[in-house]
Amino acid sequence: NPLSNAFRRKFRILVYPLMNPDGVDLGHWRHNAGGIDLNRDWAKYAQDEVRVVANHIVHTTKKDKNSVILGLDFHSTQEDVYYTLTNNRQSEIFNFKDYWIYGIDSAFPEYTPDDQPYDLNQAITKGWFYLEFDAEGITYEVGDETPRSFVKQKAKVAADEMMKLLILR
């Protein structure tokens, strides 16, 4: 795919699949084996899972003299939701989330993305990316009951829209 090839030539991608295998295996959703909500630990770094990933991102960024411009945190919950930062928080990528969600919305006439902007009132990943790097931070929630075929279609469109916006920045 020419778009993804061009994107990978311009950007480095750090991926941390399944930070909470204990929570998944034990049915605790976002809580680890110790019962701690990992997504609320991004200011304390009290849990190994969060501390290791945060340290790796910071270390890699400094070592390679790169900047972090976007942090996408993928979750599953009851319904599809995009938890974003309020518009009074402008990251390094001006209006990224608005253009990105508009691109997703435009691709699916029968679907309206549920964008729920929040300010930095909790120590969660999207806020951590903004505070640590001035980067856009988004939590991308996939609904447990969302048809898998739509999850796949929407993910492809979301990825394509993200790559287009970032390549053009």
C-alpha atoms as a PDB file:
ATOM      1  CA  ASN A   1       0.000   0.000   0.000  1.00  0.00           C
ATOM      2  CA  PRO A   2       1.657   3.265  -1.115  1.00  0.00           C
ATOM      3  CA  LEU A   3       0.091   5.282   1.720  1.00  0.00           C
ATOM      4  CA  SER A   4       1.300   3.015   4.505  1.00  0.00           C
ATOM      5  CA  ASN A   5       4.725   2.680   2.855  1.00  0.00           C
ATOM      6  CA  ALA A   6       5.083   6.472   2.717  1.00  0.00           C
ATOM      7  CA  PHE A   7       3.899   6.729   6.316  1.00  0.00           C
ATOM      8  CA  ARG A   8       6.439   4.192   7.572  1.00  0.00           C
ATOM      9  CA  ARG A   9       9.226   6.002   5.710  1.00  0.00           C
ATOM     10  CA  LYS A  10       8.377   9.241   7.523  1.00  0.00           C
ATOM     11  CA  PHE A  11       7.361   8.007  10.989  1.00  0.00           C
ATOM     12  CA  ARG A  12       8.461   5.520  13.591  1.00  0.00           C
ATOM     13  CA  ILE A  13       5.665   3.535  15.229  1.00  0.00           C
ATOM     14  CA  LEU A  14       5.917   2.168  18.755  1.00  0.00           C
ATOM     15  CA  VAL A  15       3.343  -0.533  19.476  1.00  0.00           C
ATOM     16  CA  TYR A  16       2.620  -2.107  22.845  1.00  0.00           C
ATOM     17  CA  PRO A  17       0.076  -4.865  22.299  1.00  0.00           C
ATOM     18  CA  LEU A  18      -2.079  -5.930  25.228  1.00  0.00           C
ATOM     19  CA  MET A  19      -0.547  -4.172  28.202  1.00  0.00           C
ATOM     20  CA  ASN A  20      -2.918  -5.979  30.531  1.00  0.00           C
ATOM     21  CA  PRO A  21      -3.005  -9.725  29.761  1.00  0.00           C
ATOM     22  CA  ASP A  22      -3.864 -10.519  33.394  1.00  0.00           C
ATOM     23  CA  GLY A  23      -6.942  -8.313  33.230  1.00  0.00           C
ATOM     24  CA  VAL A  24      -8.066  -9.944  30.002  1.00  0.00           C
ATOM     25  CA  ASP A  25      -7.465 -13.483  31.242  1.00  0.00           C
ATOM     26  CA  LEU A  26      -9.125 -12.801  34.587  1.00  0.00           C
ATOM     27  CA  GLY A  27     -12.023 -10.799  33.109  1.00  0.00           C
ATOM     28  CA  HIS A  28     -11.123  -7.585  34.920  1.00  0.00           C
ATOM     29  CA  TRP A  29     -11.224  -5.322  31.861  1.00  0.00           C
ATOM     30  CA  ARG A  30      -8.676  -2.616  32.589  1.00  0.00           C
ATOM     31  CA  HIS A  31      -7.668  -3.824  36.052  1.00  0.00           C
ATOM     32  CA  ASN A  32      -4.495  -5.856  36.378  1.00  0.00           C
ATOM     33  CA  ALA A  33      -4.048  -8.951  38.554  1.00  0.00           C
ATOM     34  CA  GLY A  34      -3.632  -6.665  41.568  1.00  0.00           C
ATOM     35  CA  GLY A  35      -7.004  -5.000  40.914  1.00  0.00           C
ATOM     36  CA  ILE A  36      -5.470  -1.683  39.819  1.00  0.00           C
ATOM     37  CA  ASP A  37      -6.964   0.269  36.897  1.00  0.00           C
ATOM     38  CA  LEU A  38      -3.907   0.649  34.678  1.00  0.00           C
ATOM     39  CA  ASN A  39      -5.393   3.519  32.723  1.00  0.00           C
ATOM     40  CA  ARG A  40      -5.544   5.645  35.895  1.00  0.00           C
ATOM     41  CA  ASP A  41      -1.860   5.105  36.742  1.00  0.00           C
ATOM     42  CA  TRP A  42      -0.243   7.386  34.154  1.00  0.00           C
ATOM     43  CA  ALA A  43       0.809  10.008  36.724  1.00  0.00           C
ATOM     44  CA  LYS A  44       1.994   7.666  39.480  1.00  0.00           C
ATOM     45  CA  TYR A  45       3.681   4.869  37.493  1.00  0.00           C
ATOM     46  CA  ALA A  46       2.945   2.616  40.467  1.00  0.00           C
ATOM     47  CA  GLN A  47       2.191  -0.389  38.267  1.00  0.00           C
ATOM     48  CA  ASP A  48       4.944  -2.183  36.370  1.00  0.00           C
ATOM     49  CA  GLU A  49       2.888  -2.360  33.174  1.00  0.00           C
ATOM     50  CA  VAL A  50       2.517   1.420  32.936  1.00  0.00           C
ATOM     51  CA  ARG A  51       6.007   2.254  34.222  1.00  0.00           C
ATOM     52  CA  VAL A  52       7.762  -0.028  31.716  1.00  0.00           C
ATOM     53  CA  VAL A  53       5.846   1.341  28.718  1.00  0.00           C
ATOM     54  CA  ALA A  54       6.154   4.999  29.790  1.00  0.00           C
ATOM     55  CA  ASN A  55       9.879   4.602  30.431  1.00  0.00           C
ATOM     56  CA  HIS A  56      10.395   2.893  27.076  1.00  0.00           C
ATOM     57  CA  ILE A  57       8.586   5.645  25.175  1.00  0.00           C
ATOM     58  CA  VAL A  58      10.529   8.413  26.935  1.00  0.00           C
ATOM     59  CA  HIS A  59      13.875   6.592  26.640  1.00  0.00           C
ATOM     60  CA  THR A  60      13.377   5.727  22.959  1.00  0.00           C
ATOM     61  CA  THR A  61      12.328   9.273  22.118  1.00  0.00           C
ATOM     62  CA  LYS A  62      15.377  10.787  23.816  1.00  0.00           C
ATOM     63  CA  LYS A  63      17.829   8.190  22.516  1.00  0.00           C
ATOM     64  CA  ASP A  64      16.693   8.559  18.912  1.00  0.00           C
ATOM     65  CA  LYS A  65      16.129  12.328  19.190  1.00  0.00           C
ATOM     66  CA  ASN A  66      12.572  11.943  17.932  1.00  0.00           C
ATOM     67  CA  SER A  67       9.372  13.603  18.995  1.00  0.00           C
ATOM     68  CA  VAL A  68       6.104  11.932  19.863  1.00  0.00           C
ATOM     69  CA  ILE A  69       3.211  13.524  17.995  1.00  0.00           C
ATOM     70  CA  LEU A  70       0.362  11.051  18.527  1.00  0.00           C
ATOM     71  CA  GLY A  71      -0.601   8.505  21.142  1.00  0.00           C
ATOM     72  CA  LEU A  72      -3.495   6.161  20.352  1.00  0.00           C
ATOM     73  CA  ASP A  73      -4.670   3.954  23.187  1.00  0.00           C
ATOM     74  CA  PHE A  74      -6.948   1.120  22.070  1.00  0.00           C
ATOM     75  CA  HIS A  75      -9.568  -0.286  24.423  1.00  0.00           C
ATOM     76  CA  SER A  76     -12.823  -2.198  24.263  1.00  0.00           C
ATOM     77  CA  THR A  77     -16.012  -1.300  26.109  1.00  0.00           C
ATOM     78  CA  GLN A  78     -19.778  -1.366  25.610  1.00  0.00           C
ATOM     79  CA  GLU A  79     -19.796   0.892  22.547  1.00  0.00           C
ATOM     80  CA  ASP A  80     -17.532   2.639  20.053  1.00  0.00           C
ATOM     81  CA  VAL A  81     -16.206   5.893  21.533  1.00  0.00           C
ATOM     82  CA  TYR A  82     -13.340   8.269  20.852  1.00  0.00           C
ATOM     83  CA  TYR A  83     -12.134   9.876  24.080  1.00  0.00           C
ATOM     84  CA  THR A  84     -10.234  12.962  23.019  1.00  0.00           C
ATOM     85  CA  LEU A  85      -8.922  16.129  24.619  1.00  0.00           C
ATOM     86  CA  THR A  86     -11.020  19.281  24.663  1.00  0.00           C
ATOM     87  CA  ASN A  87     -10.367  21.822  21.931  1.00  0.00           C
ATOM     88  CA  ASN A  88      -8.749  24.210  24.400  1.00  0.00           C
ATOM     89  CA  ARG A  89      -5.840  21.714  24.424  1.00  0.00           C
ATOM     90  CA  GLN A  90      -4.039  22.081  21.099  1.00  0.00           C
ATOM     91  CA  SER A  91      -1.317  19.560  20.475  1.00  0.00           C
ATOM     92  CA  GLU A  92       1.573  19.833  18.070  1.00  0.00           C
ATOM     93  CA  ILE A  93      -0.808  18.611  15.335  1.00  0.00           C
ATOM     94  CA  PHE A  94      -3.319  21.442  14.931  1.00  0.00           C
ATOM     95  CA  ASN A  95      -6.944  20.168  14.905  1.00  0.00           C
ATOM     96  CA  PHE A  96      -5.852  16.590  14.201  1.00  0.00           C
ATOM     97  CA  LYS A  97      -8.686  14.920  16.094  1.00  0.00           C
ATOM     98  CA  ASP A  98     -11.369  17.054  14.404  1.00  0.00           C
ATOM     99  CA  TYR A  99     -10.091  16.312  10.898  1.00  0.00           C
ATOM    100  CA  TRP A 100      -9.499  12.649  11.757  1.00  0.00           C
ATOM    101  CA  ILE A 101     -12.984  12.092  13.156  1.00  0.00           C
ATOM    102  CA  TYR A 102     -14.479  14.026  10.233  1.00  0.00           C
ATOM    103  CA  GLY A 103     -12.676  11.677   7.826  1.00  0.00           C
ATOM    104  CA  ILE A 104     -14.043   8.624   9.634  1.00  0.00           C
ATOM    105  CA  ASP A 105     -17.531  10.139   9.737  1.00  0.00           C
ATOM    106  CA  SER A 106     -17.449  10.944   6.005  1.00  0.00           C
ATOM    107  CA  ALA A 107     -16.629   7.336   5.113  1.00  0.00           C
ATOM    108  CA  PHE A 108     -19.700   5.885   6.848  1.00  0.00           C
ATOM    109  CA  PRO A 109     -22.992   7.698   6.112  1.00  0.00           C
ATOM    110  CA  GLU A 110     -24.942   5.501   8.557  1.00  0.00           C
ATOM    111  CA  TYR A 111     -22.454   5.968  11.408  1.00  0.00           C
ATOM    112  CA  THR A 112     -21.774   9.005  13.567  1.00  0.00           C
ATOM    113  CA  PRO A 113     -18.555   8.816  15.575  1.00  0.00           C
ATOM    114  CA  ASP A 114     -19.047   9.384  19.294  1.00  0.00           C
ATOM    115  CA  ASP A 115     -16.336  11.917  20.163  1.00  0.00           C
ATOM    116  CA  GLN A 116     -16.259  12.576  23.899  1.00  0.00           C
ATOM    117  CA  PRO A 117     -13.688  15.275  24.685  1.00  0.00           C
ATOM    118  CA  TYR A 118     -12.371  15.570  28.233  1.00  0.00           C
ATOM    119  CA  ASP A 119      -9.929  17.896  29.883  1.00  0.00           C
ATOM    120  CA  LEU A 120      -6.832  16.704  31.726  1.00  0.00           C
ATOM    121  CA  ASN A 121      -8.598  15.777  34.959  1.00  0.00           C
ATOM    122  CA  GLN A 122      -7.429  12.158  35.192  1.00  0.00           C
ATOM    123  CA  ALA A 123      -4.027  10.499  34.915  1.00  0.00           C
ATOM    124  CA  ILE A 124      -4.815   8.528  31.749  1.00  0.00           C
ATOM    125  CA  THR A 125      -2.819   7.843  28.602  1.00  0.00           C
ATOM    126  CA  LYS A 126      -4.276  10.529  26.362  1.00  0.00           C
ATOM    127  CA  GLY A 127      -3.449  13.167  28.960  1.00  0.00           C
ATOM    128  CA  TRP A 128      -0.012  11.685  29.544  1.00  0.00           C
ATOM    129  CA  PHE A 129       0.871  11.986  25.838  1.00  0.00           C
ATOM    130  CA  TYR A 130      -0.248  15.606  25.833  1.00  0.00           C
ATOM    131  CA  LEU A 131       1.510  16.596  29.062  1.00  0.00           C
ATOM    132  CA  GLU A 132       4.709  14.632  28.414  1.00  0.00           C
ATOM    133  CA  PHE A 133       5.176  15.404  24.706  1.00  0.00           C
ATOM    134  CA  ASP A 134       2.593  18.023  23.650  1.00  0.00           C
ATOM    135  CA  ALA A 135       1.252  15.176  21.513  1.00  0.00           C
ATOM    136  CA  GLU A 136      -2.284  14.405  20.471  1.00  0.00           C
ATOM    137  CA  GLY A 137      -3.749  11.754  22.755  1.00  0.00           C
ATOM    138  CA  ILE A 138      -6.822   9.693  21.895  1.00  0.00           C
ATOM    139  CA  THR A 139      -8.434   6.662  23.472  1.00  0.00           C
ATOM    140  CA  TYR A 140     -10.036   4.573  20.704  1.00  0.00           C
ATOM    141  CA  GLU A 141     -12.762   2.389  22.210  1.00  0.00           C
ATOM    142  CA  VAL A 142     -14.207  -0.519  20.252  1.00  0.00           C
ATOM    143  CA  GLY A 143     -17.654  -1.698  21.314  1.00  0.00           C
ATOM    144  CA  ASP A 144     -17.918  -5.249  22.593  1.00  0.00           C
ATOM    145  CA  GLU A 145     -21.059  -5.763  20.499  1.00  0.00           C
ATOM    146  CA  THR A 146     -19.916  -3.855  17.416  1.00  0.00           C
ATOM    147  CA  PRO A 147     -19.957  -6.238  14.434  1.00  0.00           C
ATOM    148  CA  ARG A 148     -16.392  -7.371  13.757  1.00  0.00           C
ATOM    149  CA  SER A 149     -16.762  -6.596  10.045  1.00  0.00           C
ATOM    150  CA  PHE A 150     -17.519  -2.948  10.889  1.00  0.00           C
ATOM    151  CA  VAL A 151     -14.673  -2.822  13.428  1.00  0.00           C
ATOM    152  CA  LYS A 152     -12.317  -3.910  10.650  1.00  0.00           C
ATOM    153  CA  GLN A 153     -13.731  -1.446   8.077  1.00  0.00           C
ATOM    154  CA  LYS A 154     -13.643   1.450  10.508  1.00  0.00           C
ATOM    155  CA  ALA A 155     -10.114   0.596  11.661  1.00  0.00           C
ATOM    156  CA  LYS A 156      -8.879   0.669   8.058  1.00  0.00           C
ATOM    157  CA  VAL A 157     -10.501   4.041   7.405  1.00  0.00           C
ATOM    158  CA  ALA A 158      -9.217   5.423  10.728  1.00  0.00           C
ATOM    159  CA  ALA A 159      -5.684   4.257   9.929  1.00  0.00           C
ATOM    160  CA  ASP A 160      -5.799   5.689   6.400  1.00  0.00           C
ATOM    161  CA  GLU A 161      -7.158   9.034   7.624  1.00  0.00           C
ATOM    162  CA  MET A 162      -4.502   9.190  10.339  1.00  0.00           C
ATOM    163  CA  MET A 163      -1.700   8.468   7.873  1.00  0.00           C
ATOM    164  CA  LYS A 164      -2.959  11.056   5.369  1.00  0.00           C
ATOM    165  CA  LEU A 165      -3.230  13.767   8.008  1.00  0.00           C
ATOM    166  CA  LEU A 166       0.187  13.065   9.478  1.00  0.00           C
ATOM    167  CA  ILE A 167       1.986  12.775   6.147  1.00  0.00           C
ATOM    168  CA  LEU A 168       0.564  16.147   5.095  1.00  0.00           C
ATOM    169  CA  ARG A 169       1.491  17.940   8.332  1.00  0.00           C
END
